[in-house]
Amino acid sequence: MNVGSEQFETLEIPFKKLVEWEGNVRNTATEEGLDELAASIANHGLLQSLVVRREPRGKFGVVAGRRRLLALSRLVDSGRMKATAPIACRVVTADTDHAELSLAENVVREPMHPADEFEAFQRLLEAGKSAADIAARFGVTEAVVLRRLALARVSPTLLQHYRAGEMNLELLQAFTLTDDQQLQ
C-alpha cells in the first residue's frame, strides 16, 4: 500500500468528535504511561497528529494515535482541556487500509535509549528547570527525575559502555553513589 500525502487531508477536529476505532491493532497495555503522555501533551502540545477516518454522524475514528486520544480524554476529564479543543488530525480516505496504518504506527518505532533521556533531563536542569518542574512536565515523580539526573552525571566513558550494551542499567546505577567521575 502506498499512502502518499494525496491520500491525507489535514484538519483540526474538535476533540468531542473523535472516537476510538474498533479496528485498532494495539489491544494490550493501552493504559500504560497515559499519565506521562497526558502531562507531555498538556505541557508541550500534541506533537504528532492523530490519523482518523470518517465515521457516521460526523464523528472521526482514530486509526493511529489511540493512546494520544486516551491521554487527551484524561485532560478533558480533568478539566485541563475543553472538549471543543481543536485536535490536529490527518483524515485518511475510505479506501485506505486502516489496519495497516494502525500496525505501521505501532511497529515502525524505536524507543529512545535511556542514556539519551538521562542527558536530556540534565540539559533541562542546566537550562534552569527544577527537578520538580521536569517531573510535572513529563508526568513522573521528582524521585524518578532525580534518579535519571544522577545517571546523567555518571562518567561519559561508563555511559558509552552502557549505550554499547556492555553494561546493564543496574551496574550503571551503582556508579551513581559518587559524582566523582575519576573514582567511578
N, C-alpha and C. Protein backbone atom coordinates (compact mmCIF):
# COMPACT_ATOMS: atom_id res chain seq x y z
N MET A 1 0.85 -1.18 0.00
CA MET A 1 0.00 0.00 0.00
C MET A 1 0.89 1.23 0.00
N ASN A 2 0.63 2.12 -0.89
CA ASN A 2 1.37 3.36 -0.95
C ASN A 2 0.44 4.48 -0.51
N VAL A 3 0.72 5.06 0.65
CA VAL A 3 -0.11 6.13 1.17
C VAL A 3 0.65 7.42 1.03
N GLY A 4 0.49 8.05 -0.09
CA GLY A 4 1.13 9.34 -0.30
C GLY A 4 0.33 10.44 0.35
N SER A 5 0.90 11.64 0.38
CA SER A 5 0.22 12.75 1.04
C SER A 5 -1.11 13.09 0.37
N GLU A 6 -1.29 12.65 -0.89
CA GLU A 6 -2.55 12.94 -1.57
C GLU A 6 -3.71 12.15 -0.97
N GLN A 7 -3.43 11.14 -0.16
CA GLN A 7 -4.49 10.36 0.47
C GLN A 7 -4.84 10.88 1.85
N PHE A 8 -4.24 11.98 2.25
CA PHE A 8 -4.50 12.57 3.56
C PHE A 8 -5.01 13.99 3.40
N GLU A 9 -5.98 14.32 4.21
CA GLU A 9 -6.45 15.69 4.33
C GLU A 9 -6.17 16.09 5.77
N THR A 10 -5.55 17.23 6.00
CA THR A 10 -5.24 17.66 7.36
C THR A 10 -6.31 18.61 7.85
N LEU A 11 -6.89 18.29 9.01
CA LEU A 11 -7.95 19.10 9.61
C LEU A 11 -7.72 19.25 11.10
N GLU A 12 -8.28 20.31 11.67
CA GLU A 12 -8.36 20.43 13.12
C GLU A 12 -9.79 20.06 13.48
N ILE A 13 -9.93 19.00 14.25
CA ILE A 13 -11.24 18.44 14.58
C ILE A 13 -11.47 18.61 16.08
N PRO A 14 -12.65 19.10 16.49
CA PRO A 14 -12.92 19.21 17.92
C PRO A 14 -12.79 17.84 18.60
N PHE A 15 -12.17 17.83 19.78
CA PHE A 15 -11.95 16.58 20.50
C PHE A 15 -13.22 15.75 20.62
N LYS A 16 -14.34 16.40 20.91
CA LYS A 16 -15.59 15.67 21.16
C LYS A 16 -16.10 14.90 19.94
N LYS A 17 -15.54 15.14 18.77
CA LYS A 17 -15.94 14.40 17.57
C LYS A 17 -15.04 13.19 17.30
N LEU A 18 -14.03 12.99 18.15
CA LEU A 18 -13.10 11.87 17.96
C LEU A 18 -13.55 10.68 18.80
N VAL A 19 -13.49 9.50 18.19
CA VAL A 19 -13.87 8.26 18.88
C VAL A 19 -12.80 7.21 18.62
N GLU A 20 -12.74 6.22 19.52
CA GLU A 20 -11.82 5.10 19.30
C GLU A 20 -12.32 4.30 18.10
N TRP A 21 -11.39 3.85 17.28
CA TRP A 21 -11.72 3.00 16.14
C TRP A 21 -11.57 1.56 16.59
N GLU A 22 -12.59 0.76 16.39
CA GLU A 22 -12.60 -0.62 16.89
C GLU A 22 -11.57 -1.52 16.21
N GLY A 23 -11.05 -1.13 15.07
CA GLY A 23 -10.09 -1.96 14.36
C GLY A 23 -8.64 -1.72 14.75
N ASN A 24 -8.41 -0.86 15.76
CA ASN A 24 -7.04 -0.56 16.17
C ASN A 24 -6.31 -1.84 16.53
N VAL A 25 -5.08 -1.99 16.07
CA VAL A 25 -4.33 -3.23 16.29
C VAL A 25 -3.70 -3.32 17.68
N ARG A 26 -3.52 -2.21 18.37
CA ARG A 26 -2.94 -2.26 19.72
C ARG A 26 -4.07 -2.50 20.71
N ASN A 27 -4.01 -3.66 21.37
CA ASN A 27 -5.04 -4.01 22.32
C ASN A 27 -4.49 -4.35 23.70
N THR A 28 -3.19 -4.40 23.84
CA THR A 28 -2.54 -4.78 25.10
C THR A 28 -1.81 -3.57 25.67
N ALA A 29 -1.95 -3.37 26.97
CA ALA A 29 -1.23 -2.33 27.70
C ALA A 29 -1.48 -0.93 27.13
N THR A 30 -2.71 -0.66 26.70
CA THR A 30 -3.00 0.66 26.14
C THR A 30 -3.05 1.74 27.21
N GLU A 31 -3.21 1.36 28.47
CA GLU A 31 -3.30 2.33 29.56
C GLU A 31 -1.93 2.69 30.14
N GLU A 32 -0.91 1.90 29.86
CA GLU A 32 0.42 2.14 30.42
C GLU A 32 0.98 3.48 29.94
N GLY A 33 1.47 4.26 30.89
CA GLY A 33 2.12 5.52 30.55
C GLY A 33 1.20 6.64 30.15
N LEU A 34 -0.11 6.48 30.33
CA LEU A 34 -1.02 7.54 29.88
C LEU A 34 -0.90 8.81 30.71
N ASP A 35 -0.61 8.69 32.00
CA ASP A 35 -0.44 9.90 32.81
C ASP A 35 0.75 10.71 32.30
N GLU A 36 1.84 10.00 31.95
CA GLU A 36 3.01 10.68 31.42
C GLU A 36 2.71 11.32 30.07
N LEU A 37 1.98 10.59 29.23
CA LEU A 37 1.63 11.12 27.92
C LEU A 37 0.71 12.33 28.06
N ALA A 38 -0.27 12.26 28.96
CA ALA A 38 -1.18 13.39 29.18
C ALA A 38 -0.40 14.61 29.68
N ALA A 39 0.55 14.39 30.59
CA ALA A 39 1.36 15.50 31.09
C ALA A 39 2.18 16.12 29.97
N SER A 40 2.73 15.29 29.12
CA SER A 40 3.52 15.80 28.00
C SER A 40 2.65 16.61 27.04
N ILE A 41 1.47 16.10 26.74
CA ILE A 41 0.57 16.83 25.83
C ILE A 41 0.14 18.14 26.47
N ALA A 42 -0.16 18.12 27.76
CA ALA A 42 -0.58 19.35 28.45
C ALA A 42 0.52 20.40 28.43
N ASN A 43 1.77 19.97 28.53
CA ASN A 43 2.89 20.91 28.60
C ASN A 43 3.53 21.25 27.27
N HIS A 44 3.45 20.34 26.31
CA HIS A 44 4.15 20.55 25.04
C HIS A 44 3.23 20.56 23.83
N GLY A 45 1.97 20.26 24.04
CA GLY A 45 1.03 20.16 22.93
C GLY A 45 1.09 18.78 22.30
N LEU A 46 0.21 18.53 21.38
CA LEU A 46 0.17 17.26 20.66
C LEU A 46 1.24 17.32 19.57
N LEU A 47 2.35 16.61 19.78
CA LEU A 47 3.49 16.71 18.88
C LEU A 47 3.31 15.89 17.60
N GLN A 48 2.43 14.92 17.64
CA GLN A 48 2.18 14.08 16.47
C GLN A 48 0.67 14.02 16.23
N SER A 49 0.25 14.36 15.03
CA SER A 49 -1.17 14.36 14.69
C SER A 49 -1.78 12.98 14.85
N LEU A 50 -3.09 12.96 15.08
CA LEU A 50 -3.83 11.71 15.03
C LEU A 50 -4.14 11.41 13.57
N VAL A 51 -4.30 10.15 13.24
CA VAL A 51 -4.75 9.74 11.91
C VAL A 51 -6.15 9.18 12.10
N VAL A 52 -7.11 9.74 11.37
CA VAL A 52 -8.51 9.38 11.58
C VAL A 52 -9.19 9.01 10.27
N ARG A 53 -10.33 8.34 10.42
CA ARG A 53 -11.19 8.04 9.28
C ARG A 53 -12.57 8.58 9.60
N ARG A 54 -13.30 8.91 8.58
CA ARG A 54 -14.65 9.44 8.78
C ARG A 54 -15.58 8.32 9.25
N GLU A 55 -16.41 8.64 10.23
CA GLU A 55 -17.39 7.72 10.78
C GLU A 55 -18.77 8.34 10.61
N PRO A 56 -19.82 7.58 10.82
CA PRO A 56 -21.17 8.14 10.72
C PRO A 56 -21.42 9.25 11.75
N ARG A 57 -22.40 10.08 11.48
CA ARG A 57 -22.86 11.16 12.35
C ARG A 57 -21.77 12.20 12.66
N GLY A 58 -20.89 12.45 11.69
CA GLY A 58 -19.89 13.49 11.84
C GLY A 58 -18.75 13.18 12.80
N LYS A 59 -18.61 11.92 13.17
CA LYS A 59 -17.53 11.51 14.06
C LYS A 59 -16.32 11.07 13.24
N PHE A 60 -15.17 10.95 13.93
CA PHE A 60 -13.94 10.51 13.30
C PHE A 60 -13.31 9.43 14.17
N GLY A 61 -13.09 8.26 13.60
CA GLY A 61 -12.45 7.16 14.32
C GLY A 61 -10.95 7.28 14.24
N VAL A 62 -10.28 7.16 15.38
CA VAL A 62 -8.82 7.31 15.44
C VAL A 62 -8.16 6.00 15.04
N VAL A 63 -7.57 5.99 13.85
CA VAL A 63 -6.88 4.83 13.29
C VAL A 63 -5.48 4.70 13.87
N ALA A 64 -4.80 5.82 14.02
CA ALA A 64 -3.44 5.85 14.56
C ALA A 64 -3.37 6.97 15.58
N GLY A 65 -3.08 6.58 16.83
CA GLY A 65 -3.00 7.56 17.90
C GLY A 65 -3.97 7.30 19.03
N ARG A 66 -4.36 6.04 19.23
CA ARG A 66 -5.32 5.71 20.28
C ARG A 66 -4.83 6.14 21.66
N ARG A 67 -3.55 5.90 21.97
CA ARG A 67 -3.03 6.31 23.29
C ARG A 67 -3.05 7.82 23.43
N ARG A 68 -2.76 8.54 22.36
CA ARG A 68 -2.85 10.00 22.41
C ARG A 68 -4.29 10.43 22.66
N LEU A 69 -5.25 9.74 22.01
CA LEU A 69 -6.67 10.03 22.22
C LEU A 69 -7.05 9.79 23.68
N LEU A 70 -6.59 8.66 24.25
CA LEU A 70 -6.90 8.36 25.65
C LEU A 70 -6.27 9.40 26.59
N ALA A 71 -5.06 9.85 26.27
CA ALA A 71 -4.41 10.89 27.08
C ALA A 71 -5.17 12.21 26.97
N LEU A 72 -5.60 12.55 25.77
CA LEU A 72 -6.40 13.76 25.57
C LEU A 72 -7.70 13.66 26.36
N SER A 73 -8.29 12.49 26.38
CA SER A 73 -9.53 12.26 27.13
C SER A 73 -9.30 12.51 28.63
N ARG A 74 -8.16 12.09 29.14
CA ARG A 74 -7.84 12.35 30.56
C ARG A 74 -7.74 13.85 30.81
N LEU A 75 -7.17 14.57 29.86
CA LEU A 75 -7.05 16.02 30.02
C LEU A 75 -8.44 16.68 30.03
N VAL A 76 -9.33 16.20 29.18
CA VAL A 76 -10.70 16.73 29.15
C VAL A 76 -11.41 16.38 30.45
N ASP A 77 -11.31 15.12 30.88
CA ASP A 77 -11.98 14.68 32.10
C ASP A 77 -11.50 15.43 33.33
N SER A 78 -10.23 15.84 33.34
CA SER A 78 -9.66 16.55 34.49
C SER A 78 -9.90 18.06 34.41
N GLY A 79 -10.48 18.52 33.31
CA GLY A 79 -10.74 19.94 33.14
C GLY A 79 -9.55 20.74 32.63
N ARG A 80 -8.48 20.06 32.27
CA ARG A 80 -7.29 20.77 31.77
C ARG A 80 -7.40 21.12 30.29
N MET A 81 -8.41 20.56 29.63
CA MET A 81 -8.63 20.83 28.21
C MET A 81 -10.13 20.80 27.96
N LYS A 82 -10.60 21.62 27.05
CA LYS A 82 -12.03 21.64 26.71
C LYS A 82 -12.34 20.57 25.67
N ALA A 83 -13.54 20.04 25.74
CA ALA A 83 -13.97 19.01 24.78
C ALA A 83 -14.09 19.58 23.37
N THR A 84 -14.15 20.90 23.27
CA THR A 84 -14.25 21.55 21.96
C THR A 84 -12.88 21.91 21.39
N ALA A 85 -11.82 21.61 22.13
CA ALA A 85 -10.46 21.96 21.68
C ALA A 85 -10.17 21.33 20.32
N PRO A 86 -9.58 22.10 19.40
CA PRO A 86 -9.23 21.54 18.09
C PRO A 86 -8.02 20.63 18.18
N ILE A 87 -8.11 19.46 17.55
CA ILE A 87 -7.04 18.48 17.57
C ILE A 87 -6.55 18.28 16.14
N ALA A 88 -5.26 18.39 15.93
CA ALA A 88 -4.67 18.19 14.60
C ALA A 88 -4.84 16.73 14.18
N CYS A 89 -5.46 16.54 13.03
CA CYS A 89 -5.72 15.18 12.54
C CYS A 89 -5.45 15.10 11.04
N ARG A 90 -4.99 13.94 10.65
CA ARG A 90 -4.87 13.63 9.23
C ARG A 90 -5.98 12.65 8.92
N VAL A 91 -6.86 13.02 8.01
CA VAL A 91 -8.01 12.20 7.65
C VAL A 91 -7.62 11.35 6.45
N VAL A 92 -7.73 10.01 6.61
CA VAL A 92 -7.41 9.11 5.51
C VAL A 92 -8.67 8.79 4.72
N THR A 93 -8.48 8.44 3.48
CA THR A 93 -9.60 8.13 2.61
C THR A 93 -10.21 6.78 2.98
N ALA A 94 -11.43 6.58 2.54
CA ALA A 94 -12.16 5.34 2.86
C ALA A 94 -11.49 4.11 2.28
N ASP A 95 -10.76 4.25 1.17
CA ASP A 95 -10.14 3.08 0.54
C ASP A 95 -8.75 2.76 1.10
N THR A 96 -8.31 3.50 2.12
CA THR A 96 -7.03 3.24 2.79
C THR A 96 -7.15 1.98 3.63
N ASP A 97 -6.08 1.21 3.71
CA ASP A 97 -6.06 0.04 4.59
C ASP A 97 -5.78 0.54 6.01
N HIS A 98 -6.85 0.78 6.75
CA HIS A 98 -6.75 1.38 8.08
C HIS A 98 -5.97 0.50 9.06
N ALA A 99 -6.18 -0.81 9.00
CA ALA A 99 -5.47 -1.72 9.90
C ALA A 99 -3.96 -1.66 9.64
N GLU A 100 -3.58 -1.53 8.39
CA GLU A 100 -2.15 -1.44 8.07
C GLU A 100 -1.55 -0.16 8.62
N LEU A 101 -2.28 0.95 8.54
CA LEU A 101 -1.78 2.20 9.12
C LEU A 101 -1.65 2.09 10.63
N SER A 102 -2.63 1.47 11.28
CA SER A 102 -2.58 1.26 12.72
C SER A 102 -1.37 0.41 13.09
N LEU A 103 -1.12 -0.64 12.32
CA LEU A 103 0.02 -1.51 12.56
C LEU A 103 1.34 -0.75 12.33
N ALA A 104 1.42 0.01 11.25
CA ALA A 104 2.64 0.75 10.94
C ALA A 104 2.99 1.73 12.06
N GLU A 105 1.99 2.40 12.60
CA GLU A 105 2.24 3.36 13.68
C GLU A 105 2.81 2.66 14.91
N ASN A 106 2.39 1.44 15.17
CA ASN A 106 2.81 0.75 16.38
C ASN A 106 4.06 -0.10 16.22
N VAL A 107 4.40 -0.47 15.01
CA VAL A 107 5.54 -1.35 14.79
C VAL A 107 6.80 -0.59 14.38
N VAL A 108 6.65 0.42 13.58
CA VAL A 108 7.79 1.11 12.99
C VAL A 108 8.22 2.28 13.88
N ARG A 109 8.64 1.94 15.09
CA ARG A 109 9.11 2.96 16.02
C ARG A 109 10.22 2.38 16.87
N GLU A 110 11.10 3.21 17.30
CA GLU A 110 12.22 2.77 18.13
C GLU A 110 12.26 3.68 19.35
N PRO A 111 12.18 3.12 20.54
CA PRO A 111 12.24 3.99 21.72
C PRO A 111 13.62 4.62 21.89
N MET A 112 13.63 5.75 22.54
CA MET A 112 14.87 6.47 22.83
C MET A 112 15.72 5.65 23.80
N HIS A 113 17.02 5.67 23.60
CA HIS A 113 17.91 4.97 24.54
C HIS A 113 17.84 5.69 25.89
N PRO A 114 17.79 4.96 27.00
CA PRO A 114 17.71 5.59 28.32
C PRO A 114 18.83 6.61 28.57
N ALA A 115 20.03 6.36 28.10
CA ALA A 115 21.14 7.30 28.32
C ALA A 115 20.84 8.64 27.67
N ASP A 116 20.20 8.62 26.51
CA ASP A 116 19.83 9.88 25.86
C ASP A 116 18.81 10.64 26.71
N GLU A 117 17.90 9.89 27.33
CA GLU A 117 16.90 10.50 28.21
C GLU A 117 17.57 11.12 29.43
N PHE A 118 18.52 10.42 30.04
CA PHE A 118 19.22 10.95 31.20
C PHE A 118 19.85 12.30 30.85
N GLU A 119 20.55 12.33 29.71
CA GLU A 119 21.25 13.54 29.31
C GLU A 119 20.29 14.67 28.94
N ALA A 120 19.15 14.32 28.36
CA ALA A 120 18.15 15.34 28.02
C ALA A 120 17.57 15.97 29.29
N PHE A 121 17.31 15.16 30.31
CA PHE A 121 16.84 15.71 31.59
C PHE A 121 17.91 16.64 32.17
N GLN A 122 19.17 16.26 32.06
CA GLN A 122 20.27 17.09 32.56
C GLN A 122 20.29 18.43 31.83
N ARG A 123 20.09 18.42 30.52
CA ARG A 123 20.06 19.68 29.76
C ARG A 123 18.92 20.58 30.23
N LEU A 124 17.76 19.98 30.53
CA LEU A 124 16.64 20.78 31.04
C LEU A 124 16.99 21.42 32.38
N LEU A 125 17.66 20.65 33.24
CA LEU A 125 18.09 21.17 34.53
C LEU A 125 19.07 22.33 34.33
N GLU A 126 20.03 22.14 33.44
CA GLU A 126 21.03 23.17 33.16
C GLU A 126 20.40 24.42 32.54
N ALA A 127 19.26 24.24 31.87
CA ALA A 127 18.57 25.38 31.26
C ALA A 127 17.70 26.13 32.26
N GLY A 128 17.73 25.67 33.53
CA GLY A 128 17.03 26.42 34.57
C GLY A 128 15.77 25.78 35.11
N LYS A 129 15.39 24.64 34.60
CA LYS A 129 14.20 23.97 35.13
C LYS A 129 14.58 23.20 36.39
N SER A 130 13.69 23.16 37.34
CA SER A 130 13.93 22.39 38.56
C SER A 130 13.53 20.93 38.33
N ALA A 131 14.00 20.07 39.21
CA ALA A 131 13.61 18.66 39.11
C ALA A 131 12.10 18.51 39.25
N ALA A 132 11.50 19.30 40.12
CA ALA A 132 10.04 19.25 40.31
C ALA A 132 9.32 19.68 39.03
N ASP A 133 9.82 20.72 38.37
CA ASP A 133 9.21 21.19 37.14
C ASP A 133 9.34 20.14 36.03
N ILE A 134 10.50 19.54 35.92
CA ILE A 134 10.71 18.49 34.91
C ILE A 134 9.75 17.34 35.18
N ALA A 135 9.62 16.95 36.44
CA ALA A 135 8.71 15.86 36.80
C ALA A 135 7.28 16.18 36.38
N ALA A 136 6.83 17.38 36.69
CA ALA A 136 5.45 17.77 36.35
C ALA A 136 5.23 17.81 34.84
N ARG A 137 6.22 18.28 34.10
CA ARG A 137 6.08 18.42 32.66
C ARG A 137 6.05 17.07 31.94
N PHE A 138 6.62 16.03 32.59
CA PHE A 138 6.67 14.73 31.94
C PHE A 138 5.87 13.66 32.67
N GLY A 139 5.10 14.07 33.70
CA GLY A 139 4.20 13.16 34.36
C GLY A 139 4.88 12.04 35.14
N VAL A 140 6.05 12.33 35.69
CA VAL A 140 6.76 11.36 36.52
C VAL A 140 6.99 12.00 37.89
N THR A 141 7.45 11.21 38.84
CA THR A 141 7.72 11.77 40.16
C THR A 141 9.07 12.48 40.17
N GLU A 142 9.23 13.35 41.14
CA GLU A 142 10.50 14.05 41.28
C GLU A 142 11.63 13.05 41.57
N ALA A 143 11.31 11.98 42.31
CA ALA A 143 12.32 10.95 42.61
C ALA A 143 12.83 10.30 41.32
N VAL A 144 11.94 10.06 40.37
CA VAL A 144 12.35 9.48 39.09
C VAL A 144 13.31 10.44 38.38
N VAL A 145 12.96 11.72 38.37
CA VAL A 145 13.83 12.71 37.72
C VAL A 145 15.19 12.75 38.40
N LEU A 146 15.21 12.75 39.72
CA LEU A 146 16.48 12.80 40.44
C LEU A 146 17.34 11.58 40.15
N ARG A 147 16.73 10.40 40.03
CA ARG A 147 17.49 9.19 39.67
C ARG A 147 18.06 9.31 38.26
N ARG A 148 17.28 9.83 37.34
CA ARG A 148 17.77 10.00 35.97
C ARG A 148 18.88 11.03 35.90
N LEU A 149 18.75 12.09 36.69
CA LEU A 149 19.80 13.10 36.72
C LEU A 149 21.09 12.54 37.32
N ALA A 150 20.96 11.67 38.31
CA ALA A 150 22.15 11.02 38.88
C ALA A 150 22.84 10.17 37.82
N LEU A 151 22.06 9.49 37.02
CA LEU A 151 22.63 8.66 35.95
C LEU A 151 23.29 9.52 34.88
N ALA A 152 22.77 10.72 34.65
CA ALA A 152 23.37 11.63 33.66
C ALA A 152 24.74 12.11 34.11
N ARG A 153 25.01 12.08 35.42
CA ARG A 153 26.30 12.55 35.95
C ARG A 153 27.36 11.46 36.00
N VAL A 154 27.01 10.27 35.58
CA VAL A 154 27.99 9.18 35.55
C VAL A 154 29.02 9.50 34.46
N SER A 155 30.21 9.01 34.64
CA SER A 155 31.31 9.23 33.69
C SER A 155 30.85 8.95 32.25
N PRO A 156 31.20 9.83 31.32
CA PRO A 156 30.85 9.61 29.91
C PRO A 156 31.37 8.26 29.38
N THR A 157 32.49 7.82 29.88
CA THR A 157 33.04 6.51 29.46
C THR A 157 32.09 5.39 29.87
N LEU A 158 31.58 5.46 31.09
CA LEU A 158 30.64 4.44 31.56
C LEU A 158 29.32 4.51 30.79
N LEU A 159 28.87 5.74 30.51
CA LEU A 159 27.64 5.88 29.70
C LEU A 159 27.84 5.27 28.31
N GLN A 160 29.02 5.43 27.75
CA GLN A 160 29.30 4.84 26.43
C GLN A 160 29.25 3.31 26.50
N HIS A 161 29.79 2.73 27.56
CA HIS A 161 29.71 1.27 27.74
C HIS A 161 28.25 0.83 27.87
N TYR A 162 27.46 1.62 28.57
CA TYR A 162 26.03 1.31 28.73
C TYR A 162 25.32 1.39 27.38
N ARG A 163 25.61 2.45 26.60
CA ARG A 163 25.00 2.60 25.28
C ARG A 163 25.36 1.42 24.37
N ALA A 164 26.58 0.93 24.51
CA ALA A 164 27.07 -0.17 23.66
C ALA A 164 26.56 -1.53 24.12
N GLY A 165 25.82 -1.55 25.24
CA GLY A 165 25.30 -2.82 25.74
C GLY A 165 26.31 -3.62 26.53
N GLU A 166 27.43 -3.00 26.87
CA GLU A 166 28.48 -3.69 27.62
C GLU A 166 28.25 -3.61 29.12
N MET A 167 27.20 -2.91 29.53
CA MET A 167 26.89 -2.73 30.94
C MET A 167 25.37 -2.59 31.04
N ASN A 168 24.77 -3.18 32.07
CA ASN A 168 23.33 -3.03 32.23
C ASN A 168 23.01 -1.84 33.14
N LEU A 169 21.74 -1.50 33.23
CA LEU A 169 21.31 -0.34 34.00
C LEU A 169 21.63 -0.49 35.48
N GLU A 170 21.45 -1.69 36.01
CA GLU A 170 21.71 -1.90 37.44
C GLU A 170 23.18 -1.61 37.78
N LEU A 171 24.09 -2.04 36.93
CA LEU A 171 25.50 -1.77 37.17
C LEU A 171 25.79 -0.27 37.04
N LEU A 172 25.21 0.36 36.04
CA LEU A 172 25.41 1.80 35.86
C LEU A 172 24.91 2.57 37.08
N GLN A 173 23.78 2.14 37.64
CA GLN A 173 23.23 2.80 38.82
C GLN A 173 24.20 2.73 40.01
N ALA A 174 24.95 1.67 40.10
CA ALA A 174 25.90 1.53 41.21
C ALA A 174 26.93 2.66 41.19
N PHE A 175 27.24 3.19 40.02
CA PHE A 175 28.24 4.25 39.91
C PHE A 175 27.68 5.61 40.33
N THR A 176 26.37 5.70 40.59
CA THR A 176 25.79 6.98 41.00
C THR A 176 26.01 7.27 42.48
N LEU A 177 26.65 6.35 43.19
CA LEU A 177 26.90 6.57 44.61
C LEU A 177 27.85 7.74 44.85
N THR A 178 28.62 8.07 43.83
CA THR A 178 29.51 9.24 43.92
C THR A 178 29.43 10.00 42.60
N ASP A 179 29.56 11.34 42.67
CA ASP A 179 29.62 12.15 41.46
C ASP A 179 31.04 12.30 40.94
N ASP A 180 32.02 11.76 41.66
CA ASP A 180 33.42 11.84 41.27
C ASP A 180 33.67 10.87 40.11
N GLN A 181 33.74 11.42 38.91
CA GLN A 181 33.88 10.57 37.73
C GLN A 181 35.22 9.82 37.70
N GLN A 182 36.25 10.37 38.29
CA GLN A 182 37.55 9.68 38.37
C GLN A 182 37.41 8.43 39.25
N LEU A 183 36.74 8.59 40.37
CA LEU A 183 36.52 7.47 41.27
C LEU A 183 35.63 6.40 40.63
N GLN A 184 34.69 6.82 39.84
CA GLN A 184 33.81 5.89 39.15
C GLN A 184 34.62 4.99 38.23
